[in-house]
Protein backbone atom coordinates (compact mmCIF):
# COMPACT_ATOMS: atom_id res chain seq x y z
CA MET A 1 0.00 0.00 0.00
CA THR A 2 1.15 3.54 -0.59
CA THR A 3 2.85 5.25 2.30
CA SER A 4 3.16 8.91 3.06
CA ILE A 5 6.24 10.58 4.45
CA TYR A 6 5.93 13.25 7.08
CA PRO A 7 8.14 16.33 7.05
CA ARG A 8 11.63 15.70 8.32
CA ASP A 9 12.56 16.39 11.88
CA ARG A 10 15.56 15.81 14.06
CA GLY A 11 15.25 12.71 16.08
CA GLY A 12 16.36 9.24 16.81
CA GLY A 13 18.38 10.42 19.78
CA GLN A 14 21.54 10.99 17.76
CA PRO A 15 22.86 14.50 17.20
CA GLY A 16 22.80 15.53 13.58
CA SER A 17 20.70 12.60 12.47
CA ARG A 18 17.56 13.21 10.48
CA THR A 19 14.50 11.03 10.49
CA ALA A 20 11.12 11.12 8.87
CA LEU A 21 7.85 9.66 10.05
CA ARG A 22 6.31 7.27 7.56
CA LEU A 23 2.61 6.41 7.66
CA ASN A 24 1.58 3.00 6.39
CA ALA A 25 -1.92 3.85 5.15
CA GLY A 26 -2.77 0.25 4.35
CA ARG A 27 -2.10 -0.83 7.92
CA LEU A 28 -4.10 2.11 9.26
CA TRP A 29 -7.15 1.33 7.12
CA ALA A 30 -6.95 -2.42 7.79
CA GLY A 31 -6.96 -1.63 11.50
CA GLY A 32 -9.84 0.79 10.96
CA LEU A 33 -11.88 -1.90 9.20
CA ALA A 34 -11.18 -4.35 12.01
CA THR A 35 -12.17 -1.70 14.54
CA SER A 36 -15.44 -1.10 12.69
CA VAL A 37 -16.27 -4.80 12.90
CA ILE A 38 -15.51 -4.78 16.63
CA ALA A 39 -17.64 -1.66 17.18
CA GLY A 40 -20.56 -3.31 15.39
CA LEU A 41 -20.11 -6.47 17.45
CA VAL A 42 -19.93 -4.47 20.70
CA VAL A 43 -23.31 -2.94 19.89
CA LEU A 44 -24.75 -6.29 18.83
CA VAL A 45 -23.58 -8.02 22.01
CA GLY A 46 -24.89 -5.09 24.07
CA ILE A 47 -28.31 -5.40 22.44
CA LEU A 48 -28.37 -9.16 22.97
CA VAL A 49 -27.42 -8.84 26.65
CA ALA A 50 -29.87 -5.99 27.30
CA LYS A 51 -32.79 -7.74 25.57
CA GLY A 52 -31.98 -11.37 26.30
CA VAL A 53 -30.67 -11.17 29.85
CA PHE A 54 -32.38 -8.09 31.27
CA GLY A 55 -35.46 -7.83 29.04
CA VAL A 56 -34.74 -4.18 28.21
CA ALA A 57 -35.90 -2.62 24.95
CA VAL A 58 -32.77 -1.51 23.09
CA PRO A 59 -32.34 0.78 21.17
CA VAL A 60 -34.68 3.18 22.96
CA PRO A 61 -38.17 2.92 21.44
CA THR A 62 -39.91 6.14 20.42
CA VAL A 63 -43.45 7.14 19.55
CA THR A 64 -42.63 6.62 15.87
CA GLY A 65 -40.92 3.29 16.51
CA GLY A 66 -37.30 4.43 16.81
CA MET A 67 -34.36 2.89 15.05
CA SER A 68 -33.87 -0.82 14.44
CA ALA A 69 -31.09 -2.88 15.97
CA VAL A 70 -29.54 -3.25 12.52
CA THR A 71 -29.43 0.54 12.10
CA TYR A 72 -27.83 0.87 15.55
CA VAL A 73 -25.10 -1.65 14.61
CA LEU A 74 -24.50 0.08 11.25
CA ILE A 75 -24.19 3.45 12.99
CA ALA A 76 -21.43 1.98 15.19
CA VAL A 77 -19.65 0.57 12.13
CA GLY A 78 -19.94 3.95 10.38
CA ALA A 79 -18.67 5.79 13.46
CA ALA A 80 -15.56 3.61 13.55
CA LEU A 81 -14.90 4.20 9.84
CA ALA A 82 -15.43 7.95 10.30
CA ALA A 83 -13.00 7.88 13.23
CA THR A 84 -10.45 6.09 11.02
CA LEU A 85 -10.82 8.79 8.36
CA LEU A 86 -10.42 11.49 11.01
CA LEU A 87 -7.31 9.76 12.36
CA TYR A 88 -5.85 9.46 8.86
CA VAL A 89 -6.34 13.18 8.20
CA LEU A 90 -4.87 14.09 11.60
CA LEU A 91 -1.85 11.85 11.04
CA LEU A 92 -1.17 13.56 7.71
CA GLY A 93 -1.09 17.09 9.04
CA ALA A 94 -1.84 17.77 12.70
CA PRO A 95 1.07 18.67 14.99
CA ARG A 96 0.01 16.19 17.74
CA PRO A 97 -2.44 13.90 15.98
CA LEU A 98 -3.06 11.42 18.79
CA ALA A 99 -3.76 14.16 21.31
CA PHE A 100 -6.35 15.74 19.03
CA PHE A 101 -7.82 12.35 18.15
CA THR A 102 -8.15 11.37 21.81
CA TRP A 103 -9.94 14.60 22.70
CA ILE A 104 -12.34 14.28 19.77
CA VAL A 105 -13.17 10.64 20.55
CA VAL A 106 -13.63 11.31 24.28
CA LEU A 107 -15.97 14.25 23.63
CA ALA A 108 -17.90 12.35 20.93
CA THR A 109 -18.27 9.40 23.32
CA ILE A 110 -19.62 11.70 26.04
CA VAL A 111 -22.19 13.05 23.57
CA THR A 112 -23.29 9.52 22.64
CA VAL A 113 -23.55 8.53 26.30
CA LEU A 114 -25.72 11.55 27.10
CA ALA A 115 -27.83 11.39 23.91
CA PRO A 116 -30.28 8.71 25.13
CA PHE A 117 -31.32 10.94 28.02
CA SER A 118 -32.41 13.73 25.69
CA ASN A 119 -36.08 13.37 24.74
CA SER A 120 -35.47 15.44 21.62
CA ILE A 121 -32.98 12.89 20.25
CA LEU A 122 -34.29 9.45 21.19
CA GLY A 123 -37.45 10.27 23.11
CA SER A 124 -39.63 7.82 24.94
CA ALA A 125 -42.60 5.66 23.97
CA ALA A 126 -45.90 7.46 24.57
CA HIS A 127 -44.04 9.94 26.77
CA VAL A 128 -43.31 7.23 29.34
CA PRO A 129 -39.66 7.44 30.35
CA LEU A 130 -37.80 4.24 29.57
CA LEU A 131 -34.92 4.78 31.95
CA ASP A 132 -33.67 1.19 31.74
CA SER A 133 -33.50 1.44 27.93
CA LYS A 134 -31.72 4.77 28.08
CA ILE A 135 -29.17 3.49 30.60
CA SER A 136 -28.56 0.37 28.49
CA VAL A 137 -27.97 2.41 25.33
CA ALA A 138 -25.68 4.80 27.23
CA ILE A 139 -23.57 1.88 28.49
CA ILE A 140 -23.41 0.29 25.03
CA ASN A 141 -22.36 3.66 23.54
CA LEU A 142 -19.69 4.08 26.22
CA VAL A 143 -18.18 0.64 25.57
CA ALA A 144 -18.27 1.18 21.79
CA GLY A 145 -16.64 4.62 22.12
CA VAL A 146 -13.88 3.29 24.38
CA ALA A 147 -13.28 0.39 21.98
CA ILE A 148 -13.03 2.68 18.97
CA GLY A 149 -10.73 5.15 20.73
CA THR A 150 -8.33 2.63 22.24
CA LEU A 151 -8.13 0.35 19.21
CA LEU A 152 -7.55 3.15 16.71
CA THR A 153 -4.94 4.79 18.91
CA GLY A 154 -3.03 1.51 18.95
CA VAL A 155 -3.49 1.12 15.20
CA ALA A 156 -2.08 4.62 14.66
CA ARG A 157 0.97 3.87 16.78
CA SER A 158 1.70 0.71 14.80
CA SER A 159 1.11 2.47 11.46
CA VAL A 160 3.72 5.19 11.96
CA THR A 161 7.42 4.38 11.86
CA ARG A 162 10.60 6.45 11.97
CA VAL A 163 12.92 6.08 9.01
CA PRO A 164 16.38 7.62 8.50
CA VAL A 165 16.69 10.29 5.87
CA LEU A 166 19.85 10.55 3.83
CA PRO A 167 21.48 13.98 3.68
CA GLU A 168 20.44 16.09 0.72
CA PRO A 169 23.19 16.49 -1.89
CA GLY A 170 24.49 19.93 -2.55
CA PRO A 171 27.31 22.36 -1.75
CA TYR A 172 25.48 23.96 1.22
CA ARG A 173 24.40 20.75 2.93
CA ASP A 174 26.42 21.39 6.09
CA LEU A 175 24.88 24.83 6.62
CA ALA A 176 21.45 23.29 7.16
CA ASP A 177 22.72 21.12 10.04
């Protein structure tokens, strides 16, 4: 797969040495696809446990019927793929990509945990609060968000390597060092 090279910086712990950071995009996207499968499975397992073990309606039903379990799983898969795209863009140009990525994922996870408690977003059936459903969805969203964040952070770390850069030829090469 094609790799991208980051701008050169000094590094490697040796004075005068130059290194570049190389992103293996294929590895990043393969990890992102695997993460999306895991996110979908986290939601599916959460639904099965909530419905099968505790008898809780998940996702939260609404007056109009709400979303289906399949839609809920596909949203988790899409969120993981969107997070992979965000991570890819951050790795290509942000000064501290993993710090920005972590903040974005943490805040997005908080939003998804709080969303079930907002009647304007998921509501309640016939205006009867379904607190057990809302709590179940919040827990499932929390676990999915943590899975996406931790897995993709690890994928990013394994997708970026440091490579030595040969000195540029030219009569003024030593002036740049």
